[in-house]
Amino acid sequence: MSIDLNFWNYKKDNDSDHAAVYQAACCNQQVLEELELLPTEDILKEVSAAFHDWTMLDPLHYESKKAQGSFQIQATSQAVRFDCYSMEQTDMKRFSSLMAKFSCPLYDPQQGVRFDKMDVFLIDEAGAYQTQAVEELTRLLPRLEMAVHVVNWDDYTSLSQASRHIKYDAGIHRAKSLTKVTSFMRFGNAWANRPCQCKTASGRTIAKIHPKSRARFL
């Protein structure tokens, strides 16, 4: 199985079409006005250090000593692409960690998403737990820039459809005897959810919004 993972850094206040940038910069190796220049030699040194336990055939090709995994690097002055073959997810996560040092979030074309920003929607009563939700999301996903929206259901429906980023929403559904908390995250073509429930107390029920989902290579 082959997967390509891609990294670049936008210039300030730029909101380009990620898929178009991927095709131009990572596939066609074009130079784009909206992208920053990258220290390619420093990045290759970081890759060598991060994969010191792999066999380096040359600075752009690596093979695992323990398994069948391998990868090759395509690096330009503005973008770095890692073509991965039969690699373990834990090994592929190394790319995100090392490229974060150069302010380059991951773009995963298999999922159609760039892991740079997330829109957080706290619907109706869930807005009362904004502080707890943001703290937990920041702990689990420290590399994502977050925009938090405390909304009612109608506003959520319209705003979430317009979002181009990773989307996370949480809601509290209170009945007479049972209270349910739902959290849902969508990233590109993939999604994950985590429902939980508890008995409805006579007073205010405190339900912890606890998103456990993480993206594959973040």
N, C-alpha and C. Protein backbone atom coordinates (compact mmCIF):
# COMPACT_ATOMS: atom_id res chain seq x y z
N MET A 1 0.84 -1.19 0.00
CA MET A 1 0.00 0.00 0.00
C MET A 1 0.88 1.24 0.00
N SER A 2 0.56 2.21 -0.85
CA SER A 2 1.33 3.45 -0.91
C SER A 2 0.46 4.62 -0.48
N ILE A 3 1.06 5.54 0.26
CA ILE A 3 0.39 6.74 0.75
C ILE A 3 1.38 7.89 0.60
N ASP A 4 0.91 9.04 0.13
CA ASP A 4 1.79 10.20 0.11
C ASP A 4 1.31 11.25 1.11
N LEU A 5 2.26 11.79 1.86
CA LEU A 5 2.02 12.80 2.88
C LEU A 5 2.78 14.06 2.49
N ASN A 6 2.11 15.21 2.59
CA ASN A 6 2.63 16.42 1.97
C ASN A 6 2.64 17.60 2.95
N PHE A 7 3.64 18.47 2.78
CA PHE A 7 3.83 19.56 3.74
C PHE A 7 4.27 20.84 3.01
N TRP A 8 3.68 21.95 3.43
CA TRP A 8 4.09 23.26 2.96
C TRP A 8 3.65 24.30 3.98
N ASN A 9 4.11 25.54 3.79
CA ASN A 9 3.77 26.63 4.70
C ASN A 9 3.26 27.81 3.88
N TYR A 10 2.03 28.24 4.16
CA TYR A 10 1.47 29.39 3.47
C TYR A 10 2.10 30.68 3.98
N LYS A 11 2.15 31.67 3.12
CA LYS A 11 2.46 33.01 3.58
C LYS A 11 1.31 33.53 4.43
N LYS A 12 1.54 34.55 5.19
CA LYS A 12 0.56 35.06 6.15
C LYS A 12 -0.73 35.45 5.45
N ASP A 13 -1.86 35.14 6.13
CA ASP A 13 -3.21 35.52 5.68
C ASP A 13 -3.54 34.96 4.31
N ASN A 14 -3.12 33.74 4.06
CA ASN A 14 -3.43 33.10 2.80
C ASN A 14 -4.38 31.93 3.04
N ASP A 15 -5.41 31.82 2.24
CA ASP A 15 -6.40 30.75 2.40
C ASP A 15 -6.69 30.12 1.04
N SER A 16 -5.69 29.45 0.49
CA SER A 16 -5.80 28.88 -0.85
C SER A 16 -6.52 27.55 -0.82
N ASP A 17 -6.83 27.06 -1.98
CA ASP A 17 -7.43 25.73 -2.16
C ASP A 17 -6.33 24.69 -1.95
N HIS A 18 -6.41 23.93 -0.85
CA HIS A 18 -5.35 22.99 -0.51
C HIS A 18 -5.14 21.94 -1.60
N ALA A 19 -6.22 21.45 -2.17
CA ALA A 19 -6.10 20.41 -3.20
C ALA A 19 -5.37 20.94 -4.43
N ALA A 20 -5.64 22.20 -4.79
CA ALA A 20 -4.97 22.80 -5.93
C ALA A 20 -3.49 23.03 -5.64
N VAL A 21 -3.17 23.45 -4.43
CA VAL A 21 -1.77 23.65 -4.04
C VAL A 21 -1.03 22.31 -4.04
N TYR A 22 -1.68 21.28 -3.52
CA TYR A 22 -1.08 19.95 -3.52
C TYR A 22 -0.73 19.51 -4.94
N GLN A 23 -1.67 19.67 -5.86
CA GLN A 23 -1.44 19.23 -7.24
C GLN A 23 -0.30 20.02 -7.88
N ALA A 24 -0.30 21.34 -7.66
CA ALA A 24 0.70 22.19 -8.30
C ALA A 24 2.08 22.05 -7.66
N ALA A 25 2.14 22.17 -6.33
CA ALA A 25 3.43 22.23 -5.65
C ALA A 25 4.02 20.86 -5.36
N CYS A 26 3.17 19.91 -4.96
CA CYS A 26 3.67 18.60 -4.53
C CYS A 26 3.74 17.58 -5.66
N CYS A 27 2.82 17.68 -6.60
CA CYS A 27 2.80 16.72 -7.72
C CYS A 27 3.55 17.25 -8.94
N ASN A 28 3.30 18.52 -9.28
CA ASN A 28 3.91 19.10 -10.48
C ASN A 28 5.15 19.92 -10.18
N GLN A 29 5.47 20.09 -8.88
CA GLN A 29 6.67 20.79 -8.43
C GLN A 29 6.76 22.21 -8.99
N GLN A 30 5.63 22.89 -9.01
CA GLN A 30 5.59 24.27 -9.45
C GLN A 30 5.89 25.20 -8.28
N VAL A 31 6.43 26.37 -8.58
CA VAL A 31 6.67 27.41 -7.59
C VAL A 31 5.43 28.29 -7.52
N LEU A 32 4.90 28.47 -6.29
CA LEU A 32 3.67 29.22 -6.09
C LEU A 32 3.91 30.47 -5.27
N GLU A 33 3.25 31.54 -5.64
CA GLU A 33 3.42 32.82 -4.97
C GLU A 33 2.96 32.76 -3.52
N GLU A 34 1.95 31.96 -3.22
CA GLU A 34 1.36 31.96 -1.88
C GLU A 34 2.13 31.12 -0.85
N LEU A 35 3.20 30.44 -1.28
CA LEU A 35 3.92 29.57 -0.36
C LEU A 35 5.26 30.17 0.06
N GLU A 36 5.63 29.90 1.32
CA GLU A 36 6.92 30.31 1.84
C GLU A 36 8.01 29.38 1.31
N LEU A 37 9.24 29.87 1.33
CA LEU A 37 10.39 29.03 1.01
C LEU A 37 10.74 28.17 2.23
N LEU A 38 11.23 26.97 1.97
CA LEU A 38 11.57 26.04 3.05
C LEU A 38 13.08 25.77 3.05
N PRO A 39 13.64 25.54 4.24
CA PRO A 39 15.07 25.17 4.35
C PRO A 39 15.26 23.68 4.04
N THR A 40 15.32 23.35 2.79
CA THR A 40 15.29 21.95 2.36
C THR A 40 16.41 21.13 2.99
N GLU A 41 17.62 21.65 3.02
CA GLU A 41 18.74 20.89 3.56
C GLU A 41 18.54 20.59 5.04
N ASP A 42 18.00 21.57 5.78
CA ASP A 42 17.74 21.35 7.21
C ASP A 42 16.66 20.28 7.41
N ILE A 43 15.66 20.28 6.53
CA ILE A 43 14.59 19.28 6.62
C ILE A 43 15.15 17.89 6.38
N LEU A 44 16.02 17.74 5.39
CA LEU A 44 16.60 16.44 5.11
C LEU A 44 17.47 15.94 6.27
N LYS A 45 18.11 16.87 6.96
CA LYS A 45 18.90 16.49 8.14
C LYS A 45 17.97 16.01 9.25
N GLU A 46 16.82 16.67 9.41
CA GLU A 46 15.86 16.25 10.43
C GLU A 46 15.29 14.86 10.11
N VAL A 47 15.04 14.61 8.83
CA VAL A 47 14.55 13.27 8.43
C VAL A 47 15.60 12.21 8.77
N SER A 48 16.84 12.51 8.46
CA SER A 48 17.92 11.56 8.75
C SER A 48 18.00 11.27 10.25
N ALA A 49 17.83 12.29 11.07
CA ALA A 49 17.89 12.10 12.52
C ALA A 49 16.67 11.32 13.02
N ALA A 50 15.50 11.65 12.49
CA ALA A 50 14.27 10.99 12.93
C ALA A 50 14.23 9.52 12.52
N PHE A 51 14.88 9.19 11.40
CA PHE A 51 14.88 7.80 10.90
C PHE A 51 16.29 7.21 10.95
N HIS A 52 16.98 7.51 12.03
CA HIS A 52 18.34 6.99 12.19
C HIS A 52 18.37 5.47 12.29
N ASP A 53 17.22 4.88 12.67
CA ASP A 53 17.15 3.42 12.80
C ASP A 53 16.72 2.74 11.50
N TRP A 54 16.63 3.51 10.41
CA TRP A 54 16.32 2.97 9.09
C TRP A 54 17.59 2.98 8.23
N THR A 55 17.55 2.23 7.14
CA THR A 55 18.65 2.25 6.19
C THR A 55 18.46 3.39 5.19
N MET A 56 19.41 4.31 5.13
CA MET A 56 19.35 5.41 4.18
C MET A 56 20.11 5.01 2.92
N LEU A 57 19.37 4.71 1.86
CA LEU A 57 20.00 4.33 0.60
C LEU A 57 20.70 5.52 -0.03
N ASP A 58 20.07 6.68 0.08
CA ASP A 58 20.62 7.98 -0.29
C ASP A 58 19.77 9.00 0.46
N PRO A 59 20.07 10.31 0.40
CA PRO A 59 19.31 11.28 1.19
C PRO A 59 17.81 11.34 0.91
N LEU A 60 17.36 10.71 -0.19
CA LEU A 60 15.94 10.78 -0.55
C LEU A 60 15.23 9.44 -0.47
N HIS A 61 15.93 8.36 -0.11
CA HIS A 61 15.33 7.04 -0.10
C HIS A 61 15.73 6.28 1.17
N TYR A 62 14.70 5.74 1.85
CA TYR A 62 14.92 5.02 3.11
C TYR A 62 14.18 3.70 3.08
N GLU A 63 14.77 2.69 3.76
CA GLU A 63 14.12 1.40 3.93
C GLU A 63 14.20 0.98 5.39
N SER A 64 13.14 0.33 5.87
CA SER A 64 13.11 -0.16 7.24
C SER A 64 14.04 -1.37 7.39
N LYS A 65 14.73 -1.41 8.52
CA LYS A 65 15.59 -2.56 8.80
C LYS A 65 14.80 -3.73 9.40
N LYS A 66 13.61 -3.41 9.95
CA LYS A 66 12.84 -4.42 10.68
C LYS A 66 11.66 -4.98 9.89
N ALA A 67 11.14 -4.20 8.93
CA ALA A 67 9.93 -4.62 8.21
C ALA A 67 10.10 -4.30 6.73
N GLN A 68 8.97 -4.32 6.00
CA GLN A 68 9.01 -4.08 4.56
C GLN A 68 8.84 -2.60 4.21
N GLY A 69 8.63 -1.74 5.17
CA GLY A 69 8.34 -0.34 4.90
C GLY A 69 9.49 0.40 4.25
N SER A 70 9.12 1.39 3.44
CA SER A 70 10.11 2.25 2.81
C SER A 70 9.45 3.57 2.45
N PHE A 71 10.26 4.59 2.19
CA PHE A 71 9.71 5.86 1.71
C PHE A 71 10.75 6.60 0.88
N GLN A 72 10.24 7.48 0.03
CA GLN A 72 11.10 8.35 -0.74
C GLN A 72 10.62 9.79 -0.58
N ILE A 73 11.52 10.73 -0.74
CA ILE A 73 11.24 12.14 -0.51
C ILE A 73 11.32 12.90 -1.82
N GLN A 74 10.34 13.75 -2.06
CA GLN A 74 10.40 14.71 -3.14
C GLN A 74 10.38 16.10 -2.49
N ALA A 75 11.47 16.82 -2.59
CA ALA A 75 11.59 18.10 -1.91
C ALA A 75 11.89 19.21 -2.91
N THR A 76 11.09 20.27 -2.85
CA THR A 76 11.35 21.46 -3.64
C THR A 76 11.64 22.61 -2.67
N SER A 77 11.79 23.80 -3.19
CA SER A 77 12.06 24.96 -2.34
C SER A 77 10.84 25.37 -1.52
N GLN A 78 9.64 24.80 -1.83
CA GLN A 78 8.42 25.21 -1.14
C GLN A 78 7.60 24.06 -0.56
N ALA A 79 7.85 22.86 -0.94
CA ALA A 79 7.01 21.74 -0.50
C ALA A 79 7.84 20.47 -0.36
N VAL A 80 7.39 19.62 0.57
CA VAL A 80 8.04 18.32 0.78
C VAL A 80 6.96 17.25 0.73
N ARG A 81 7.22 16.23 -0.06
CA ARG A 81 6.30 15.11 -0.20
C ARG A 81 7.01 13.82 0.18
N PHE A 82 6.35 13.03 1.04
CA PHE A 82 6.86 11.73 1.43
C PHE A 82 5.96 10.66 0.82
N ASP A 83 6.51 9.85 -0.05
CA ASP A 83 5.79 8.72 -0.62
C ASP A 83 6.12 7.49 0.20
N CYS A 84 5.12 6.96 0.89
CA CYS A 84 5.31 5.90 1.87
C CYS A 84 4.78 4.58 1.32
N TYR A 85 5.55 3.52 1.52
CA TYR A 85 5.18 2.21 1.01
C TYR A 85 5.20 1.19 2.16
N SER A 86 4.03 0.64 2.46
CA SER A 86 3.87 -0.40 3.49
C SER A 86 4.45 0.03 4.84
N MET A 87 4.31 1.30 5.18
CA MET A 87 4.83 1.80 6.45
C MET A 87 3.78 1.70 7.55
N GLU A 88 4.25 1.53 8.78
CA GLU A 88 3.38 1.55 9.95
C GLU A 88 2.96 2.99 10.24
N GLN A 89 1.75 3.14 10.80
CA GLN A 89 1.26 4.47 11.12
C GLN A 89 2.16 5.20 12.11
N THR A 90 2.69 4.48 13.08
CA THR A 90 3.57 5.12 14.05
C THR A 90 4.80 5.71 13.40
N ASP A 91 5.31 5.06 12.35
CA ASP A 91 6.46 5.59 11.63
C ASP A 91 6.07 6.80 10.80
N MET A 92 4.89 6.76 10.18
CA MET A 92 4.46 7.90 9.36
C MET A 92 4.19 9.13 10.21
N LYS A 93 3.82 8.93 11.47
CA LYS A 93 3.59 10.08 12.35
C LYS A 93 4.87 10.87 12.61
N ARG A 94 6.01 10.25 12.40
CA ARG A 94 7.27 10.96 12.58
C ARG A 94 7.37 12.15 11.62
N PHE A 95 6.80 12.01 10.44
CA PHE A 95 6.87 13.10 9.46
C PHE A 95 6.17 14.35 9.97
N SER A 96 5.00 14.18 10.57
CA SER A 96 4.25 15.32 11.10
C SER A 96 5.03 16.00 12.21
N SER A 97 5.66 15.22 13.07
CA SER A 97 6.41 15.80 14.18
C SER A 97 7.61 16.59 13.70
N LEU A 98 8.34 16.05 12.75
CA LEU A 98 9.54 16.76 12.32
C LEU A 98 9.20 17.96 11.44
N MET A 99 8.13 17.87 10.63
CA MET A 99 7.76 19.01 9.78
C MET A 99 7.08 20.12 10.59
N ALA A 100 6.55 19.79 11.76
CA ALA A 100 5.99 20.83 12.63
C ALA A 100 7.07 21.81 13.06
N LYS A 101 8.31 21.38 13.12
CA LYS A 101 9.42 22.27 13.48
C LYS A 101 9.62 23.37 12.43
N PHE A 102 9.10 23.12 11.24
CA PHE A 102 9.24 24.09 10.15
C PHE A 102 7.91 24.76 9.80
N SER A 103 6.95 24.67 10.75
CA SER A 103 5.62 25.30 10.60
C SER A 103 4.88 24.77 9.38
N CYS A 104 5.01 23.49 9.12
CA CYS A 104 4.36 22.87 7.96
C CYS A 104 3.38 21.79 8.43
N PRO A 105 2.08 22.07 8.43
CA PRO A 105 1.10 21.04 8.77
C PRO A 105 0.98 19.99 7.66
N LEU A 106 0.43 18.86 8.02
CA LEU A 106 0.23 17.78 7.06
C LEU A 106 -0.97 18.04 6.16
N TYR A 107 -0.80 17.77 4.87
CA TYR A 107 -1.93 17.64 3.95
C TYR A 107 -1.97 16.19 3.50
N ASP A 108 -3.10 15.55 3.75
CA ASP A 108 -3.30 14.14 3.40
C ASP A 108 -4.28 14.06 2.23
N PRO A 109 -3.80 13.83 1.02
CA PRO A 109 -4.71 13.78 -0.14
C PRO A 109 -5.62 12.57 -0.13
N GLN A 110 -5.24 11.53 0.60
CA GLN A 110 -6.12 10.36 0.71
C GLN A 110 -7.41 10.72 1.43
N GLN A 111 -7.33 11.61 2.43
CA GLN A 111 -8.51 12.07 3.16
C GLN A 111 -9.02 13.40 2.63
N GLY A 112 -8.21 14.10 1.84
CA GLY A 112 -8.63 15.40 1.31
C GLY A 112 -8.68 16.48 2.37
N VAL A 113 -7.71 16.49 3.29
CA VAL A 113 -7.75 17.47 4.38
C VAL A 113 -6.32 17.88 4.76
N ARG A 114 -6.21 19.14 5.17
CA ARG A 114 -4.96 19.67 5.74
C ARG A 114 -5.17 19.86 7.23
N PHE A 115 -4.26 19.32 8.02
CA PHE A 115 -4.42 19.34 9.47
C PHE A 115 -3.79 20.60 10.05
N ASP A 116 -4.44 21.74 9.77
CA ASP A 116 -3.92 23.01 10.27
C ASP A 116 -4.92 23.76 11.15
N LYS A 117 -6.21 23.70 10.79
CA LYS A 117 -7.21 24.46 11.52
C LYS A 117 -8.44 23.59 11.79
N MET A 118 -9.14 23.92 12.87
CA MET A 118 -10.35 23.19 13.20
C MET A 118 -11.44 24.16 13.66
N ASP A 119 -12.64 24.00 13.12
CA ASP A 119 -13.82 24.74 13.58
C ASP A 119 -14.52 23.91 14.64
N VAL A 120 -14.64 24.47 15.84
CA VAL A 120 -15.28 23.79 16.97
C VAL A 120 -16.67 24.39 17.17
N PHE A 121 -17.70 23.55 17.10
CA PHE A 121 -19.07 23.99 17.27
C PHE A 121 -19.64 23.38 18.55
N LEU A 122 -19.96 24.22 19.52
CA LEU A 122 -20.60 23.79 20.76
C LEU A 122 -22.05 24.22 20.69
N ILE A 123 -22.93 23.24 20.56
CA ILE A 123 -24.32 23.49 20.20
C ILE A 123 -25.18 23.62 21.45
N ASP A 124 -25.92 24.73 21.51
CA ASP A 124 -26.88 24.99 22.60
C ASP A 124 -26.21 24.81 23.96
N GLU A 125 -26.72 23.88 24.79
CA GLU A 125 -26.24 23.76 26.16
C GLU A 125 -24.76 23.41 26.26
N ALA A 126 -24.21 22.78 25.24
CA ALA A 126 -22.78 22.43 25.27
C ALA A 126 -21.90 23.66 25.35
N GLY A 127 -22.41 24.82 24.97
CA GLY A 127 -21.63 26.05 25.06
C GLY A 127 -21.24 26.39 26.48
N ALA A 128 -21.97 25.88 27.47
CA ALA A 128 -21.63 26.15 28.87
C ALA A 128 -20.32 25.49 29.27
N TYR A 129 -19.86 24.53 28.48
CA TYR A 129 -18.63 23.80 28.79
C TYR A 129 -17.51 24.17 27.82
N GLN A 130 -17.52 25.39 27.35
CA GLN A 130 -16.53 25.84 26.37
C GLN A 130 -15.11 25.69 26.91
N THR A 131 -14.87 26.14 28.12
CA THR A 131 -13.52 26.08 28.69
C THR A 131 -13.00 24.65 28.75
N GLN A 132 -13.83 23.73 29.25
CA GLN A 132 -13.40 22.33 29.36
C GLN A 132 -13.15 21.71 27.99
N ALA A 133 -14.03 22.02 27.04
CA ALA A 133 -13.88 21.45 25.69
C ALA A 133 -12.60 21.94 25.02
N VAL A 134 -12.33 23.24 25.13
CA VAL A 134 -11.13 23.79 24.49
C VAL A 134 -9.87 23.24 25.14
N GLU A 135 -9.86 23.12 26.46
CA GLU A 135 -8.70 22.56 27.15
C GLU A 135 -8.42 21.13 26.70
N GLU A 136 -9.47 20.33 26.57
CA GLU A 136 -9.28 18.93 26.18
C GLU A 136 -8.85 18.82 24.72
N LEU A 137 -9.44 19.59 23.85
CA LEU A 137 -9.06 19.55 22.45
C LEU A 137 -7.63 20.05 22.25
N THR A 138 -7.24 21.08 22.98
CA THR A 138 -5.88 21.59 22.88
C THR A 138 -4.87 20.56 23.35
N ARG A 139 -5.22 19.82 24.40
CA ARG A 139 -4.33 18.78 24.90
C ARG A 139 -4.18 17.64 23.89
N LEU A 140 -5.30 17.22 23.27
CA LEU A 140 -5.26 16.10 22.34
C LEU A 140 -4.72 16.47 20.97
N LEU A 141 -4.97 17.70 20.54
CA LEU A 141 -4.60 18.13 19.19
C LEU A 141 -3.85 19.46 19.26
N PRO A 142 -2.65 19.46 19.82
CA PRO A 142 -1.95 20.71 20.11
C PRO A 142 -1.51 21.49 18.89
N ARG A 143 -1.46 20.87 17.72
CA ARG A 143 -0.95 21.56 16.54
C ARG A 143 -2.03 22.29 15.75
N LEU A 144 -3.28 22.12 16.13
CA LEU A 144 -4.38 22.70 15.35
C LEU A 144 -4.76 24.08 15.87
N GLU A 145 -4.86 25.03 14.96
CA GLU A 145 -5.44 26.33 15.28
C GLU A 145 -6.96 26.16 15.36
N MET A 146 -7.58 26.68 16.42
CA MET A 146 -9.00 26.44 16.65
C MET A 146 -9.81 27.72 16.62
N ALA A 147 -10.96 27.63 15.99
CA ALA A 147 -11.97 28.70 16.03
C ALA A 147 -13.20 28.10 16.69
N VAL A 148 -13.59 28.66 17.85
CA VAL A 148 -14.69 28.11 18.64
C VAL A 148 -15.97 28.89 18.38
N HIS A 149 -17.05 28.17 18.10
CA HIS A 149 -18.35 28.78 17.84
C HIS A 149 -19.38 28.20 18.81
N VAL A 150 -19.95 29.05 19.64
CA VAL A 150 -21.06 28.64 20.51
C VAL A 150 -22.34 29.02 19.78
N VAL A 151 -23.13 28.01 19.37
CA VAL A 151 -24.21 28.26 18.42
C VAL A 151 -25.48 27.50 18.82
N ASN A 152 -26.59 27.93 18.26
CA ASN A 152 -27.80 27.12 18.33
C ASN A 152 -27.81 26.19 17.11
N TRP A 153 -28.81 25.32 17.05
CA TRP A 153 -28.81 24.31 15.99
C TRP A 153 -28.90 24.92 14.60
N ASP A 154 -29.73 25.93 14.43
CA ASP A 154 -29.90 26.54 13.10
C ASP A 154 -28.59 27.18 12.62
N ASP A 155 -27.91 27.90 13.52
CA ASP A 155 -26.64 28.51 13.13
C ASP A 155 -25.59 27.46 12.84
N TYR A 156 -25.59 26.39 13.62
CA TYR A 156 -24.64 25.32 13.38
C TYR A 156 -24.81 24.72 11.99
N THR A 157 -26.06 24.51 11.58
CA THR A 157 -26.33 23.90 10.28
C THR A 157 -25.74 24.73 9.15
N SER A 158 -25.89 26.04 9.21
CA SER A 158 -25.39 26.89 8.13
C SER A 158 -23.88 27.09 8.22
N LEU A 159 -23.35 27.32 9.41
CA LEU A 159 -21.92 27.58 9.56
C LEU A 159 -21.08 26.35 9.27
N SER A 160 -21.52 25.19 9.70
CA SER A 160 -20.73 23.97 9.49
C SER A 160 -20.65 23.61 8.01
N GLN A 161 -21.68 23.91 7.26
CA GLN A 161 -21.65 23.61 5.83
C GLN A 161 -20.66 24.50 5.10
N ALA A 162 -20.44 25.72 5.63
CA ALA A 162 -19.53 26.65 4.97
C ALA A 162 -18.07 26.41 5.36
N SER A 163 -17.83 25.63 6.41
CA SER A 163 -16.47 25.41 6.89
C SER A 163 -15.65 24.57 5.92
N ARG A 164 -14.39 24.97 5.71
CA ARG A 164 -13.46 24.24 4.86
C ARG A 164 -12.41 23.49 5.67
N HIS A 165 -12.55 23.55 7.00
CA HIS A 165 -11.52 22.98 7.87
C HIS A 165 -12.03 21.70 8.53
N ILE A 166 -11.18 21.12 9.38
CA ILE A 166 -11.64 20.02 10.22
C ILE A 166 -12.77 20.54 11.08
N LYS A 167 -13.80 19.73 11.26
CA LYS A 167 -14.97 20.17 12.03
C LYS A 167 -15.18 19.25 13.23
N TYR A 168 -15.39 19.89 14.38
CA TYR A 168 -15.73 19.15 15.60
C TYR A 168 -16.98 19.78 16.19
N ASP A 169 -17.96 18.96 16.54
CA ASP A 169 -19.15 19.51 17.19
C ASP A 169 -19.52 18.66 18.40
N ALA A 170 -20.13 19.33 19.37
CA ALA A 170 -20.57 18.66 20.59
C ALA A 170 -21.95 19.17 20.96
N GLY A 171 -22.78 18.26 21.44
CA GLY A 171 -24.13 18.62 21.85
C GLY A 171 -24.56 17.83 23.06
N ILE A 172 -25.44 18.40 23.86
CA ILE A 172 -26.00 17.74 25.03
C ILE A 172 -27.49 17.56 24.81
N HIS A 173 -27.96 16.33 24.93
CA HIS A 173 -29.37 16.01 24.69
C HIS A 173 -29.95 15.53 26.02
N ARG A 174 -30.77 16.36 26.65
CA ARG A 174 -31.26 16.08 27.99
C ARG A 174 -32.70 15.59 27.95
N ALA A 175 -32.94 14.43 28.52
CA ALA A 175 -34.29 13.90 28.70
C ALA A 175 -34.58 13.82 30.19
N LYS A 176 -35.78 13.36 30.52
CA LYS A 176 -36.19 13.34 31.92
C LYS A 176 -35.31 12.44 32.77
N SER A 177 -34.94 11.27 32.26
CA SER A 177 -34.17 10.32 33.05
C SER A 177 -32.76 10.09 32.54
N LEU A 178 -32.44 10.55 31.31
CA LEU A 178 -31.15 10.25 30.72
C LEU A 178 -30.62 11.47 29.96
N THR A 179 -29.37 11.75 30.14
CA THR A 179 -28.71 12.83 29.41
C THR A 179 -27.60 12.24 28.55
N LYS A 180 -27.58 12.60 27.26
CA LYS A 180 -26.58 12.09 26.34
C LYS A 180 -25.70 13.25 25.85
N VAL A 181 -24.42 12.97 25.75
CA VAL A 181 -23.47 13.92 25.18
C VAL A 181 -22.86 13.29 23.93
N THR A 182 -22.91 13.99 22.83
CA THR A 182 -22.35 13.48 21.59
C THR A 182 -21.24 14.41 21.12
N SER A 183 -20.16 13.83 20.65
CA SER A 183 -19.08 14.61 20.03
C SER A 183 -18.73 13.95 18.70
N PHE A 184 -18.54 14.77 17.70
CA PHE A 184 -18.37 14.26 16.34
C PHE A 184 -17.28 15.08 15.65
N MET A 185 -16.33 14.39 15.03
CA MET A 185 -15.27 15.07 14.29
C MET A 185 -15.23 14.56 12.86
N ARG A 186 -15.15 15.48 11.93
CA ARG A 186 -15.02 15.12 10.52
C ARG A 186 -13.75 15.76 9.98
N PHE A 187 -12.90 14.94 9.37
CA PHE A 187 -11.68 15.44 8.75
C PHE A 187 -11.58 14.88 7.34
N GLY A 188 -11.90 15.75 6.38
CA GLY A 188 -11.90 15.31 4.99
C GLY A 188 -12.96 14.26 4.75
N ASN A 189 -12.54 13.11 4.24
CA ASN A 189 -13.46 12.03 3.93
C ASN A 189 -13.71 11.10 5.11
N ALA A 190 -13.05 11.36 6.23
CA ALA A 190 -13.15 10.47 7.38
C ALA A 190 -13.86 11.16 8.54
N TRP A 191 -14.34 10.37 9.49
CA TRP A 191 -15.02 10.92 10.63
C TRP A 191 -14.88 9.97 11.82
N ALA A 192 -15.15 10.49 13.00
CA ALA A 192 -15.15 9.69 14.23
C ALA A 192 -16.09 10.35 15.22
N ASN A 193 -16.74 9.55 16.05
CA ASN A 193 -17.62 10.11 17.08
C ASN A 193 -17.45 9.36 18.38
N ARG A 194 -17.88 10.01 19.46
CA ARG A 194 -17.77 9.41 20.80
C ARG A 194 -18.99 9.82 21.63
N PRO A 195 -20.05 9.04 21.64
CA PRO A 195 -21.21 9.36 22.48
C PRO A 195 -21.01 8.83 23.90
N CYS A 196 -21.61 9.50 24.86
CA CYS A 196 -21.65 8.99 26.23
C CYS A 196 -22.96 9.44 26.87
N GLN A 197 -23.34 8.82 27.96
CA GLN A 197 -24.60 9.15 28.58
C GLN A 197 -24.53 8.94 30.08
N CYS A 198 -25.43 9.59 30.80
CA CYS A 198 -25.51 9.44 32.24
C CYS A 198 -26.94 9.74 32.67
N LYS A 199 -27.26 9.39 33.90
CA LYS A 199 -28.59 9.68 34.42
C LYS A 199 -28.74 11.18 34.62
N THR A 200 -29.91 11.69 34.32
CA THR A 200 -30.18 13.10 34.52
C THR A 200 -30.38 13.36 36.01
N ALA A 201 -29.55 14.25 36.55
CA ALA A 201 -29.64 14.57 37.97
C ALA A 201 -30.77 15.55 38.21
N SER A 202 -31.12 15.68 39.47
CA SER A 202 -32.19 16.63 39.81
C SER A 202 -31.75 18.06 39.59
N GLY A 203 -30.43 18.30 39.78
CA GLY A 203 -29.89 19.63 39.49
C GLY A 203 -29.28 19.63 38.10
N ARG A 204 -28.29 20.47 37.90
CA ARG A 204 -27.65 20.58 36.59
C ARG A 204 -26.68 19.43 36.39
N THR A 205 -26.82 18.71 35.33
CA THR A 205 -25.93 17.60 35.03
C THR A 205 -24.62 18.14 34.47
N ILE A 206 -23.51 17.67 35.01
CA ILE A 206 -22.21 18.07 34.50
C ILE A 206 -21.69 16.93 33.63
N ALA A 207 -21.64 17.15 32.37
CA ALA A 207 -21.18 16.12 31.43
C ALA A 207 -19.88 16.59 30.79
N LYS A 208 -18.86 15.78 30.88
CA LYS A 208 -17.57 16.14 30.32
C LYS A 208 -17.54 15.86 28.83
N ILE A 209 -17.29 16.87 28.06
CA ILE A 209 -17.14 16.69 26.61
C ILE A 209 -15.72 16.20 26.38
N HIS A 210 -15.61 14.97 25.94
CA HIS A 210 -14.32 14.30 25.97
C HIS A 210 -14.01 13.69 24.61
N PRO A 211 -13.53 14.47 23.64
CA PRO A 211 -13.22 13.93 22.32
C PRO A 211 -11.92 13.13 22.34
N LYS A 212 -12.00 11.85 22.01
CA LYS A 212 -10.82 11.00 22.01
C LYS A 212 -10.26 10.75 20.61
N SER A 213 -11.00 11.18 19.59
CA SER A 213 -10.61 10.83 18.24
C SER A 213 -9.39 11.64 17.81
N ARG A 214 -8.49 10.97 17.11
CA ARG A 214 -7.33 11.64 16.56
C ARG A 214 -7.13 11.21 15.12
N ALA A 215 -6.60 12.09 14.32
CA ALA A 215 -6.37 11.74 12.94
C ALA A 215 -5.17 10.79 12.82
N ARG A 216 -5.07 10.12 11.71
CA ARG A 216 -4.09 9.04 11.58
C ARG A 216 -2.64 9.52 11.73
N PHE A 217 -2.30 10.63 11.11
CA PHE A 217 -0.89 10.99 11.04
C PHE A 217 -0.61 12.32 11.72
N LEU A 218 -1.56 12.85 12.48
CA LEU A 218 -1.40 14.17 13.07
C LEU A 218 -0.31 14.16 14.12
